[in-house]
PDB file of N, CA and C in Angstrom:
ATOM      1  N   MET A   1     -33.850  -9.228  40.072  1.00  0.00           N
ATOM      2  CA  MET A   1     -32.524  -9.777  40.120  1.00  0.00           C
ATOM      3  C   MET A   1     -32.244 -10.645  38.883  1.00  0.00           C
ATOM      4  N   PHE A   2     -33.173 -11.550  38.529  1.00  0.00           N
ATOM      5  CA  PHE A   2     -32.929 -12.456  37.404  1.00  0.00           C
ATOM      6  C   PHE A   2     -32.813 -11.703  36.078  1.00  0.00           C
ATOM      7  N   HIS A   3     -33.560 -10.622  35.942  1.00  0.00           N
ATOM      8  CA  HIS A   3     -33.490  -9.853  34.694  1.00  0.00           C
ATOM      9  C   HIS A   3     -32.120  -9.190  34.548  1.00  0.00           C
ATOM     10  N   ASP A   4     -31.497  -8.812  35.659  1.00  0.00           N
ATOM     11  CA  ASP A   4     -30.139  -8.255  35.604  1.00  0.00           C
ATOM     12  C   ASP A   4     -29.131  -9.347  35.299  1.00  0.00           C
ATOM     13  N   LEU A   5     -29.297 -10.517  35.901  1.00  0.00           N
ATOM     14  CA  LEU A   5     -28.355 -11.622  35.689  1.00  0.00           C
ATOM     15  C   LEU A   5     -28.372 -12.110  34.247  1.00  0.00           C
ATOM     16  N   ILE A   6     -29.540 -12.121  33.614  1.00  0.00           N
ATOM     17  CA  ILE A   6     -29.635 -12.634  32.240  1.00  0.00           C
ATOM     18  C   ILE A   6     -28.912 -11.710  31.258  1.00  0.00           C
ATOM     19  N   LYS A   7     -28.725 -10.456  31.638  1.00  0.00           N
ATOM     20  CA  LYS A   7     -28.026  -9.495  30.779  1.00  0.00           C
ATOM     21  C   LYS A   7     -26.507  -9.663  30.847  1.00  0.00           C
ATOM     22  N   GLU A   8     -26.014 -10.363  31.876  1.00  0.00           N
ATOM     23  CA  GLU A   8     -24.575 -10.506  32.051  1.00  0.00           C
ATOM     24  C   GLU A   8     -23.983 -11.466  31.022  1.00  0.00           C
ATOM     25  N   ASP A   9     -22.765 -11.173  30.618  1.00  0.00           N
ATOM     26  CA  ASP A   9     -22.032 -12.035  29.690  1.00  0.00           C
ATOM     27  C   ASP A   9     -21.373 -13.148  30.502  1.00  0.00           C
ATOM     28  N   VAL A  10     -21.786 -14.393  30.270  1.00  0.00           N
ATOM     29  CA  VAL A  10     -21.232 -15.523  31.032  1.00  0.00           C
ATOM     30  C   VAL A  10     -19.765 -15.778  30.691  1.00  0.00           C
ATOM     31  N   ASN A  11     -19.280 -15.241  29.578  1.00  0.00           N
ATOM     32  CA  ASN A  11     -17.892 -15.446  29.165  1.00  0.00           C
ATOM     33  C   ASN A  11     -16.934 -14.401  29.725  1.00  0.00           C
ATOM     34  N   ASP A  12     -17.463 -13.376  30.394  1.00  0.00           N
ATOM     35  CA  ASP A  12     -16.626 -12.342  31.000  1.00  0.00           C
ATOM     36  C   ASP A  12     -16.284 -12.775  32.429  1.00  0.00           C
ATOM     37  N   PRO A  13     -15.014 -13.085  32.708  1.00  0.00           N
ATOM     38  CA  PRO A  13     -14.638 -13.580  34.035  1.00  0.00           C
ATOM     39  C   PRO A  13     -14.997 -12.624  35.178  1.00  0.00           C
ATOM     40  N   GLN A  14     -15.088 -11.337  34.896  1.00  0.00           N
ATOM     41  CA  GLN A  14     -15.420 -10.362  35.934  1.00  0.00           C
ATOM     42  C   GLN A  14     -16.845 -10.534  36.454  1.00  0.00           C
ATOM     43  N   ASN A  15     -17.700 -11.222  35.680  1.00  0.00           N
ATOM     44  CA  ASN A  15     -19.084 -11.422  36.105  1.00  0.00           C
ATOM     45  C   ASN A  15     -19.255 -12.615  37.043  1.00  0.00           C
ATOM     46  N   GLY A  16     -18.222 -13.459  37.169  1.00  0.00           N
ATOM     47  CA  GLY A  16     -18.258 -14.547  38.136  1.00  0.00           C
ATOM     48  C   GLY A  16     -18.939 -15.832  37.683  1.00  0.00           C
ATOM     49  N   TRP A  17     -19.299 -15.932  36.412  1.00  0.00           N
ATOM     50  CA  TRP A  17     -19.926 -17.150  35.898  1.00  0.00           C
ATOM     51  C   TRP A  17     -18.857 -18.180  35.560  1.00  0.00           C
ATOM     52  N   TYR A  18     -19.183 -19.459  35.722  1.00  0.00           N
ATOM     53  CA  TYR A  18     -18.300 -20.523  35.253  1.00  0.00           C
ATOM     54  C   TYR A  18     -19.133 -21.617  34.590  1.00  0.00           C
ATOM     55  N   LYS A  19     -18.534 -22.245  33.579  1.00  0.00           N
ATOM     56  CA  LYS A  19     -19.225 -23.318  32.860  1.00  0.00           C
ATOM     57  C   LYS A  19     -19.174 -24.576  33.714  1.00  0.00           C
ATOM     58  N   SER A  20     -20.336 -25.138  34.033  1.00  0.00           N
ATOM     59  CA  SER A  20     -20.368 -26.335  34.870  1.00  0.00           C
ATOM     60  C   SER A  20     -20.719 -27.589  34.087  1.00  0.00           C
ATOM     61  N   LEU A  21     -21.275 -27.419  32.891  1.00  0.00           N
ATOM     62  CA  LEU A  21     -21.638 -28.597  32.096  1.00  0.00           C
ATOM     63  C   LEU A  21     -21.784 -28.189  30.638  1.00  0.00           C
ATOM     64  N   GLU A  22     -21.294 -29.030  29.755  1.00  0.00           N
ATOM     65  CA  GLU A  22     -21.520 -28.833  28.324  1.00  0.00           C
ATOM     66  C   GLU A  22     -21.908 -30.174  27.722  1.00  0.00           C
ATOM     67  N   GLN A  23     -23.107 -30.242  27.203  1.00  0.00           N
ATOM     68  CA  GLN A  23     -23.580 -31.464  26.562  1.00  0.00           C
ATOM     69  C   GLN A  23     -23.493 -31.281  25.064  1.00  0.00           C
ATOM     70  N   LYS A  24     -22.660 -32.083  24.433  1.00  0.00           N
ATOM     71  CA  LYS A  24     -22.536 -32.037  22.977  1.00  0.00           C
ATOM     72  C   LYS A  24     -23.829 -32.542  22.355  1.00  0.00           C
ATOM     73  N   GLU A  25     -24.041 -32.212  21.089  1.00  0.00           N
ATOM     74  CA  GLU A  25     -25.304 -32.565  20.434  1.00  0.00           C
ATOM     75  C   GLU A  25     -25.539 -34.072  20.433  1.00  0.00           C
ATOM     76  N   LYS A  26     -26.720 -34.431  20.889  1.00  0.00           N
ATOM     77  CA  LYS A  26     -27.162 -35.822  20.864  1.00  0.00           C
ATOM     78  C   LYS A  26     -28.656 -35.796  20.585  1.00  0.00           C
ATOM     79  N   ASP A  27     -29.063 -36.464  19.544  1.00  0.00           N
ATOM     80  CA  ASP A  27     -30.475 -36.517  19.147  1.00  0.00           C
ATOM     81  C   ASP A  27     -31.067 -35.115  18.975  1.00  0.00           C
ATOM     82  N   GLY A  28     -30.246 -34.173  18.479  1.00  0.00           N
ATOM     83  CA  GLY A  28     -30.734 -32.826  18.208  1.00  0.00           C
ATOM     84  C   GLY A  28     -30.737 -31.889  19.400  1.00  0.00           C
ATOM     85  N   TYR A  29     -30.199 -32.316  20.546  1.00  0.00           N
ATOM     86  CA  TYR A  29     -30.218 -31.487  21.756  1.00  0.00           C
ATOM     87  C   TYR A  29     -28.796 -31.170  22.193  1.00  0.00           C
ATOM     88  N   THR A  30     -28.528 -29.885  22.434  1.00  0.00           N
ATOM     89  CA  THR A  30     -27.261 -29.448  23.023  1.00  0.00           C
ATOM     90  C   THR A  30     -27.567 -28.543  24.206  1.00  0.00           C
ATOM     91  N   SER A  31     -26.634 -28.477  25.143  1.00  0.00           N
ATOM     92  CA  SER A  31     -26.855 -27.656  26.333  1.00  0.00           C
ATOM     93  C   SER A  31     -25.518 -27.202  26.904  1.00  0.00           C
ATOM     94  N   VAL A  32     -25.456 -25.941  27.324  1.00  0.00           N
ATOM     95  CA  VAL A  32     -24.307 -25.402  28.044  1.00  0.00           C
ATOM     96  C   VAL A  32     -24.858 -24.741  29.308  1.00  0.00           C
ATOM     97  N   ILE A  33     -24.349 -25.172  30.450  1.00  0.00           N
ATOM     98  CA  ILE A  33     -24.846 -24.662  31.733  1.00  0.00           C
ATOM     99  C   ILE A  33     -23.732 -23.891  32.424  1.00  0.00           C
ATOM    100  N   HIS A  34     -24.078 -22.680  32.869  1.00  0.00           N
ATOM    101  CA  HIS A  34     -23.173 -21.839  33.644  1.00  0.00           C
ATOM    102  C   HIS A  34     -23.771 -21.624  35.031  1.00  0.00           C
ATOM    103  N   GLN A  35     -22.892 -21.450  36.017  1.00  0.00           N
ATOM    104  CA  GLN A  35     -23.322 -21.175  37.387  1.00  0.00           C
ATOM    105  C   GLN A  35     -22.613 -19.942  37.918  1.00  0.00           C
ATOM    106  N   LYS A  36     -23.241 -19.349  38.928  1.00  0.00           N
ATOM    107  CA  LYS A  36     -22.649 -18.179  39.573  1.00  0.00           C
ATOM    108  C   LYS A  36     -23.084 -18.167  41.032  1.00  0.00           C
ATOM    109  N   ALA A  37     -22.123 -17.947  41.935  1.00  0.00           N
ATOM    110  CA  ALA A  37     -22.445 -17.792  43.350  1.00  0.00           C
ATOM    111  C   ALA A  37     -23.046 -16.407  43.568  1.00  0.00           C
ATOM    112  N   LEU A  38     -24.059 -16.340  44.414  1.00  0.00           N
ATOM    113  CA  LEU A  38     -24.675 -15.063  44.748  1.00  0.00           C
ATOM    114  C   LEU A  38     -24.372 -14.724  46.204  1.00  0.00           C
ATOM    115  N   PRO A  39     -23.891 -13.515  46.468  1.00  0.00           N
ATOM    116  CA  PRO A  39     -23.585 -13.124  47.846  1.00  0.00           C
ATOM    117  C   PRO A  39     -24.829 -13.245  48.734  1.00  0.00           C
ATOM    118  N   GLY A  40     -24.636 -13.841  49.903  1.00  0.00           N
ATOM    119  CA  GLY A  40     -25.733 -13.969  50.858  1.00  0.00           C
ATOM    120  C   GLY A  40     -26.692 -15.109  50.559  1.00  0.00           C
ATOM    121  N   ARG A  41     -26.425 -15.887  49.550  1.00  0.00           N
ATOM    122  CA  ARG A  41     -27.291 -17.020  49.186  1.00  0.00           C
ATOM    123  C   ARG A  41     -26.504 -18.314  49.325  1.00  0.00           C
ATOM    124  N   SER A  42     -27.181 -19.369  49.739  1.00  0.00           N
ATOM    125  CA  SER A  42     -26.484 -20.646  49.915  1.00  0.00           C
ATOM    126  C   SER A  42     -26.418 -21.459  48.633  1.00  0.00           C
ATOM    127  N   LEU A  43     -27.255 -21.134  47.650  1.00  0.00           N
ATOM    128  CA  LEU A  43     -27.262 -21.865  46.384  1.00  0.00           C
ATOM    129  C   LEU A  43     -26.831 -20.963  45.241  1.00  0.00           C
ATOM    130  N   ASN A  44     -26.215 -21.556  44.227  1.00  0.00           N
ATOM    131  CA  ASN A  44     -25.818 -20.818  43.032  1.00  0.00           C
ATOM    132  C   ASN A  44     -27.013 -20.621  42.112  1.00  0.00           C
ATOM    133  N   VAL A  45     -26.942 -19.585  41.301  1.00  0.00           N
ATOM    134  CA  VAL A  45     -27.907 -19.402  40.229  1.00  0.00           C
ATOM    135  C   VAL A  45     -27.333 -20.112  38.998  1.00  0.00           C
ATOM    136  N   VAL A  46     -28.212 -20.676  38.180  1.00  0.00           N
ATOM    137  CA  VAL A  46     -27.791 -21.469  37.028  1.00  0.00           C
ATOM    138  C   VAL A  46     -28.438 -20.917  35.768  1.00  0.00           C
ATOM    139  N   ARG A  47     -27.653 -20.848  34.694  1.00  0.00           N
ATOM    140  CA  ARG A  47     -28.182 -20.477  33.379  1.00  0.00           C
ATOM    141  C   ARG A  47     -27.931 -21.618  32.416  1.00  0.00           C
ATOM    142  N   ASN A  48     -28.947 -21.958  31.653  1.00  0.00           N
ATOM    143  CA  ASN A  48     -28.844 -23.047  30.684  1.00  0.00           C
ATOM    144  C   ASN A  48     -29.155 -22.494  29.301  1.00  0.00           C
ATOM    145  N   GLN A  49     -28.214 -22.658  28.400  1.00  0.00           N
ATOM    146  CA  GLN A  49     -28.449 -22.309  27.004  1.00  0.00           C
ATOM    147  C   GLN A  49     -28.581 -23.623  26.260  1.00  0.00           C
ATOM    148  N   ALA A  50     -29.787 -23.899  25.771  1.00  0.00           N
ATOM    149  CA  ALA A  50     -30.052 -25.182  25.128  1.00  0.00           C
ATOM    150  C   ALA A  50     -30.620 -24.962  23.733  1.00  0.00           C
ATOM    151  N   VAL A  51     -30.328 -25.914  22.857  1.00  0.00           N
ATOM    152  CA  VAL A  51     -30.871 -25.919  21.502  1.00  0.00           C
ATOM    153  C   VAL A  51     -31.502 -27.284  21.271  1.00  0.00           C
ATOM    154  N   MET A  52     -32.768 -27.264  20.826  1.00  0.00           N
ATOM    155  CA  MET A  52     -33.471 -28.494  20.487  1.00  0.00           C
ATOM    156  C   MET A  52     -33.823 -28.439  19.014  1.00  0.00           C
ATOM    157  N   LYS A  53     -33.225 -29.328  18.231  1.00  0.00           N
ATOM    158  CA  LYS A  53     -33.470 -29.353  16.789  1.00  0.00           C
ATOM    159  C   LYS A  53     -34.462 -30.456  16.447  1.00  0.00           C
ATOM    160  N   GLY A  54     -35.266 -30.191  15.446  1.00  0.00           N
ATOM    161  CA  GLY A  54     -36.163 -31.215  14.936  1.00  0.00           C
ATOM    162  C   GLY A  54     -37.436 -31.412  15.733  1.00  0.00           C
ATOM    163  N   ILE A  55     -37.800 -30.437  16.566  1.00  0.00           N
ATOM    164  CA  ILE A  55     -39.079 -30.526  17.271  1.00  0.00           C
ATOM    165  C   ILE A  55     -39.922 -29.299  16.929  1.00  0.00           C
ATOM    166  N   LYS A  56     -41.217 -29.446  17.065  1.00  0.00           N
ATOM    167  CA  LYS A  56     -42.109 -28.322  16.809  1.00  0.00           C
ATOM    168  C   LYS A  56     -42.001 -27.307  17.942  1.00  0.00           C
ATOM    169  N   ARG A  57     -42.248 -26.059  17.621  1.00  0.00           N
ATOM    170  CA  ARG A  57     -42.220 -24.989  18.620  1.00  0.00           C
ATOM    171  C   ARG A  57     -43.189 -25.280  19.764  1.00  0.00           C
ATOM    172  N   GLU A  58     -44.356 -25.805  19.421  1.00  0.00           N
ATOM    173  CA  GLU A  58     -45.367 -26.111  20.433  1.00  0.00           C
ATOM    174  C   GLU A  58     -44.859 -27.174  21.412  1.00  0.00           C
ATOM    175  N   THR A  59     -44.115 -28.144  20.892  1.00  0.00           N
ATOM    176  CA  THR A  59     -43.570 -29.205  21.744  1.00  0.00           C
ATOM    177  C   THR A  59     -42.524 -28.626  22.694  1.00  0.00           C
ATOM    178  N   GLY A  60     -41.650 -27.770  22.183  1.00  0.00           N
ATOM    179  CA  GLY A  60     -40.650 -27.119  23.020  1.00  0.00           C
ATOM    180  C   GLY A  60     -41.283 -26.285  24.110  1.00  0.00           C
ATOM    181  N   TYR A  61     -42.336 -25.564  23.776  1.00  0.00           N
ATOM    182  CA  TYR A  61     -43.046 -24.742  24.767  1.00  0.00           C
ATOM    183  C   TYR A  61     -43.652 -25.632  25.856  1.00  0.00           C
ATOM    184  N   LYS A  62     -44.241 -26.745  25.453  1.00  0.00           N
ATOM    185  CA  LYS A  62     -44.848 -27.661  26.422  1.00  0.00           C
ATOM    186  C   LYS A  62     -43.786 -28.219  27.372  1.00  0.00           C
ATOM    187  N   ILE A  63     -42.640 -28.576  26.817  1.00  0.00           N
ATOM    188  CA  ILE A  63     -41.559 -29.103  27.650  1.00  0.00           C
ATOM    189  C   ILE A  63     -41.126 -28.058  28.674  1.00  0.00           C
ATOM    190  N   MET A  64     -40.950 -26.811  28.258  1.00  0.00           N
ATOM    191  CA  MET A  64     -40.507 -25.771  29.187  1.00  0.00           C
ATOM    192  C   MET A  64     -41.565 -25.463  30.245  1.00  0.00           C
ATOM    193  N   CYS A  65     -42.824 -25.481  29.861  1.00  0.00           N
ATOM    194  CA  CYS A  65     -43.894 -25.208  30.828  1.00  0.00           C
ATOM    195  C   CYS A  65     -44.011 -26.310  31.871  1.00  0.00           C
ATOM    196  N   GLU A  66     -43.629 -27.521  31.496  1.00  0.00           N
ATOM    197  CA  GLU A  66     -43.729 -28.660  32.406  1.00  0.00           C
ATOM    198  C   GLU A  66     -42.346 -29.238  32.703  1.00  0.00           C
ATOM    199  N   PHE A  67     -41.343 -28.345  32.733  1.00  0.00           N
ATOM    200  CA  PHE A  67     -39.953 -28.789  32.859  1.00  0.00           C
ATOM    201  C   PHE A  67     -39.712 -29.621  34.109  1.00  0.00           C
ATOM    202  N   GLU A  68     -40.275 -29.192  35.235  1.00  0.00           N
ATOM    203  CA  GLU A  68     -40.044 -29.933  36.482  1.00  0.00           C
ATOM    204  C   GLU A  68     -40.495 -31.382  36.354  1.00  0.00           C
ATOM    205  N   LYS A  69     -41.632 -31.588  35.709  1.00  0.00           N
ATOM    206  CA  LYS A  69     -42.147 -32.948  35.531  1.00  0.00           C
ATOM    207  C   LYS A  69     -41.175 -33.790  34.707  1.00  0.00           C
ATOM    208  N   TYR A  70     -40.677 -33.226  33.600  1.00  0.00           N
ATOM    209  CA  TYR A  70     -39.752 -33.961  32.746  1.00  0.00           C
ATOM    210  C   TYR A  70     -38.402 -34.159  33.433  1.00  0.00           C
ATOM    211  N   GLN A  71     -37.917 -33.140  34.142  1.00  0.00           N
ATOM    212  CA  GLN A  71     -36.617 -33.215  34.799  1.00  0.00           C
ATOM    213  C   GLN A  71     -36.597 -34.288  35.874  1.00  0.00           C
ATOM    214  N   LYS A  72     -37.694 -34.472  36.575  1.00  0.00           N
ATOM    215  CA  LYS A  72     -37.741 -35.471  37.647  1.00  0.00           C
ATOM    216  C   LYS A  72     -37.479 -36.887  37.124  1.00  0.00           C
ATOM    217  N   ARG A  73     -37.736 -37.115  35.843  1.00  0.00           N
ATOM    218  CA  ARG A  73     -37.428 -38.434  35.263  1.00  0.00           C
ATOM    219  C   ARG A  73     -35.937 -38.743  35.334  1.00  0.00           C
ATOM    220  N   PHE A  74     -35.096 -37.704  35.263  1.00  0.00           N
ATOM    221  CA  PHE A  74     -33.651 -37.874  35.224  1.00  0.00           C
ATOM    222  C   PHE A  74     -32.977 -37.565  36.553  1.00  0.00           C
ATOM    223  N   ASP A  75     -33.735 -37.021  37.496  1.00  0.00           N
ATOM    224  CA  ASP A  75     -33.194 -36.628  38.802  1.00  0.00           C
ATOM    225  C   ASP A  75     -33.242 -37.829  39.747  1.00  0.00           C
ATOM    226  N   THR A  76     -32.280 -38.732  39.590  1.00  0.00           N
ATOM    227  CA  THR A  76     -32.300 -39.977  40.363  1.00  0.00           C
ATOM    228  C   THR A  76     -31.977 -39.760  41.841  1.00  0.00           C
ATOM    229  N   HIS A  77     -31.414 -38.598  42.177  1.00  0.00           N
ATOM    230  CA  HIS A  77     -31.073 -38.298  43.572  1.00  0.00           C
ATOM    231  C   HIS A  77     -32.066 -37.343  44.223  1.00  0.00           C
ATOM    232  N   ASN A  78     -33.145 -37.026  43.512  1.00  0.00           N
ATOM    233  CA  ASN A  78     -34.164 -36.100  44.012  1.00  0.00           C
ATOM    234  C   ASN A  78     -33.532 -34.778  44.494  1.00  0.00           C
ATOM    235  N   SER A  79     -32.623 -34.221  43.677  1.00  0.00           N
ATOM    236  CA  SER A  79     -31.915 -33.018  44.074  1.00  0.00           C
ATOM    237  C   SER A  79     -32.528 -31.723  43.578  1.00  0.00           C
ATOM    238  N   GLN A  80     -33.443 -31.787  42.636  1.00  0.00           N
ATOM    239  CA  GLN A  80     -34.066 -30.547  42.149  1.00  0.00           C
ATOM    240  C   GLN A  80     -35.142 -30.108  43.133  1.00  0.00           C
ATOM    241  N   VAL A  81     -35.026 -28.865  43.586  1.00  0.00           N
ATOM    242  CA  VAL A  81     -35.980 -28.328  44.535  1.00  0.00           C
ATOM    243  C   VAL A  81     -37.059 -27.530  43.811  1.00  0.00           C
ATOM    244  N   SER A  82     -36.642 -26.660  42.895  1.00  0.00           N
ATOM    245  CA  SER A  82     -37.632 -25.879  42.151  1.00  0.00           C
ATOM    246  C   SER A  82     -37.020 -25.398  40.846  1.00  0.00           C
ATOM    247  N   PHE A  83     -37.875 -24.949  39.956  1.00  0.00           N
ATOM    248  CA  PHE A  83     -37.460 -24.451  38.646  1.00  0.00           C
ATOM    249  C   PHE A  83     -38.243 -23.197  38.343  1.00  0.00           C
ATOM    250  N   ARG A  84     -37.566 -22.161  37.863  1.00  0.00           N
ATOM    251  CA  ARG A  84     -38.215 -20.924  37.468  1.00  0.00           C
ATOM    252  C   ARG A  84     -37.744 -20.565  36.072  1.00  0.00           C
ATOM    253  N   MET A  85     -38.679 -20.269  35.182  1.00  0.00           N
ATOM    254  CA  MET A  85     -38.315 -19.821  33.850  1.00  0.00           C
ATOM    255  C   MET A  85     -38.522 -18.321  33.788  1.00  0.00           C
ATOM    256  N   VAL A  86     -37.468 -17.596  33.427  1.00  0.00           N
ATOM    257  CA  VAL A  86     -37.549 -16.138  33.366  1.00  0.00           C
ATOM    258  C   VAL A  86     -37.524 -15.724  31.907  1.00  0.00           C
TER     259      VAL A  86
END
């Protein structure tokens, strides 16, 4: 399912994606998050397109591999349940 969703164009309204957050560049990091409701599911699927400037590739890989750990620092409402990188 995720491999099919990643092929979809988030800018095509027929695909059902909507932009839920856009973070302008700050300290070399930008992010655009899109969401889409999935039939028969209670939660939306989320896609994040992020750019991190000025960091080593190894550092970026480490952050993604341990994303849940880093994200919990900012999740003040304990709302993140799980994270999957496809």
